[in-house]
Protein backbone atom coordinates (compact mmCIF):
# COMPACT_ATOMS: atom_id res chain seq x y z
CA MET A 1 40.79 14.04 -12.19
CA VAL A 2 40.00 11.31 -9.54
CA ARG A 3 39.49 7.87 -10.52
CA ARG A 4 37.28 5.55 -8.38
CA ARG A 5 37.24 1.75 -8.70
CA VAL A 6 33.70 0.40 -8.71
CA PRO A 7 33.64 -3.14 -6.88
CA LEU A 8 33.23 -6.22 -8.87
CA VAL A 9 30.03 -6.93 -6.66
CA THR A 10 28.56 -3.72 -7.58
CA LEU A 11 28.98 -4.23 -11.10
CA THR A 12 27.61 -7.70 -11.02
CA LEU A 13 24.49 -6.63 -9.35
CA VAL A 14 23.86 -3.79 -11.75
CA ALA A 15 24.47 -6.11 -14.76
CA ALA A 16 22.13 -8.55 -13.23
CA GLY A 17 19.41 -5.95 -12.54
CA LEU A 18 19.80 -4.78 -16.14
CA VAL A 19 19.36 -8.33 -17.52
CA ALA A 20 16.37 -8.90 -15.35
CA GLY A 21 14.85 -5.68 -16.38
CA GLY A 22 15.38 -6.54 -19.91
CA LEU A 23 13.85 -9.86 -19.52
CA TRP A 24 10.74 -8.30 -18.05
CA TRP A 25 10.27 -5.95 -20.59
CA TRP A 26 10.72 -8.50 -23.34
CA ALA A 27 8.06 -10.75 -21.63
CA VAL A 28 5.54 -7.87 -21.24
CA ALA A 29 6.16 -6.78 -24.92
CA ARG A 30 5.53 -10.36 -26.10
CA LEU A 31 2.38 -10.50 -24.11
CA LEU A 32 1.22 -7.30 -25.56
CA LEU A 33 2.26 -7.79 -29.20
CA VAL A 34 1.80 -11.53 -29.90
CA PRO A 35 -0.59 -12.69 -27.13
CA GLY A 36 -1.42 -16.05 -29.00
CA GLU A 37 2.18 -17.05 -29.19
CA THR A 38 3.21 -16.51 -25.47
CA GLY A 39 3.56 -19.14 -23.14
CA PRO A 40 3.22 -19.41 -19.18
CA VAL A 41 6.83 -18.48 -18.82
CA GLU A 42 6.33 -15.03 -20.17
CA GLY A 43 3.25 -14.43 -18.14
CA ALA A 44 5.03 -15.72 -14.96
CA VAL A 45 8.02 -13.45 -15.67
CA ALA A 46 5.55 -10.42 -16.26
CA ALA A 47 3.35 -11.03 -13.30
CA GLY A 48 6.43 -11.54 -11.10
CA GLY A 49 8.15 -8.48 -12.15
CA TRP A 50 4.97 -6.53 -11.62
CA GLY A 51 4.48 -8.06 -8.11
CA LEU A 52 8.12 -7.20 -7.15
CA SER A 53 7.67 -3.55 -8.20
CA LEU A 54 4.88 -3.16 -5.54
CA LEU A 55 6.89 -4.81 -2.69
CA PRO A 56 9.10 -1.77 -1.74
CA VAL A 57 6.09 0.43 -1.27
CA HIS A 58 4.04 -1.93 1.07
CA VAL A 59 7.06 -3.49 2.78
CA ALA A 60 8.87 -0.23 3.70
CA ALA A 61 10.44 -0.14 7.25
CA SER A 62 9.03 2.31 9.81
CA THR A 63 11.25 4.86 11.15
CA GLY A 64 9.50 4.70 14.52
CA ARG A 65 9.04 8.55 14.54
CA GLY A 66 6.11 10.49 13.46
CA GLY A 67 2.88 9.10 12.06
CA GLY A 68 2.30 5.56 11.10
CA SER A 69 -0.05 2.97 12.35
CA GLY A 70 2.04 2.09 15.44
CA ARG A 71 0.88 -0.82 17.39
CA SER A 72 1.50 0.55 20.88
CA GLY A 73 -0.74 3.06 22.43
CA GLY A 74 -3.47 4.67 20.49
CA THR A 75 -7.11 3.59 19.94
CA GLY A 76 -6.70 0.78 17.54
CA GLY A 77 -9.44 -1.11 15.75
CA ARG A 78 -10.51 -2.93 18.94
CA SER A 79 -12.21 -1.64 21.86
CA GLY A 80 -12.88 -3.16 25.30
CA GLY A 81 -11.14 -6.02 26.79
């Protein structure tokens, strides 16, 4: 059986991600279960986590091949000059 060592940096990043995810779920659960007792911190954590979840979809890098809305060539939204 082969044993592989996982770098400490990787373990640290995974642990930080799990902690951040746990805090986000805690904030969302508090907002849903006891909305009268939550404060601005829970709201900010929940809204921030939701906003970050949209980021990878809308800020994905283009590969430069195939489709896409490319800015060179084509008939963009403007006509004439």
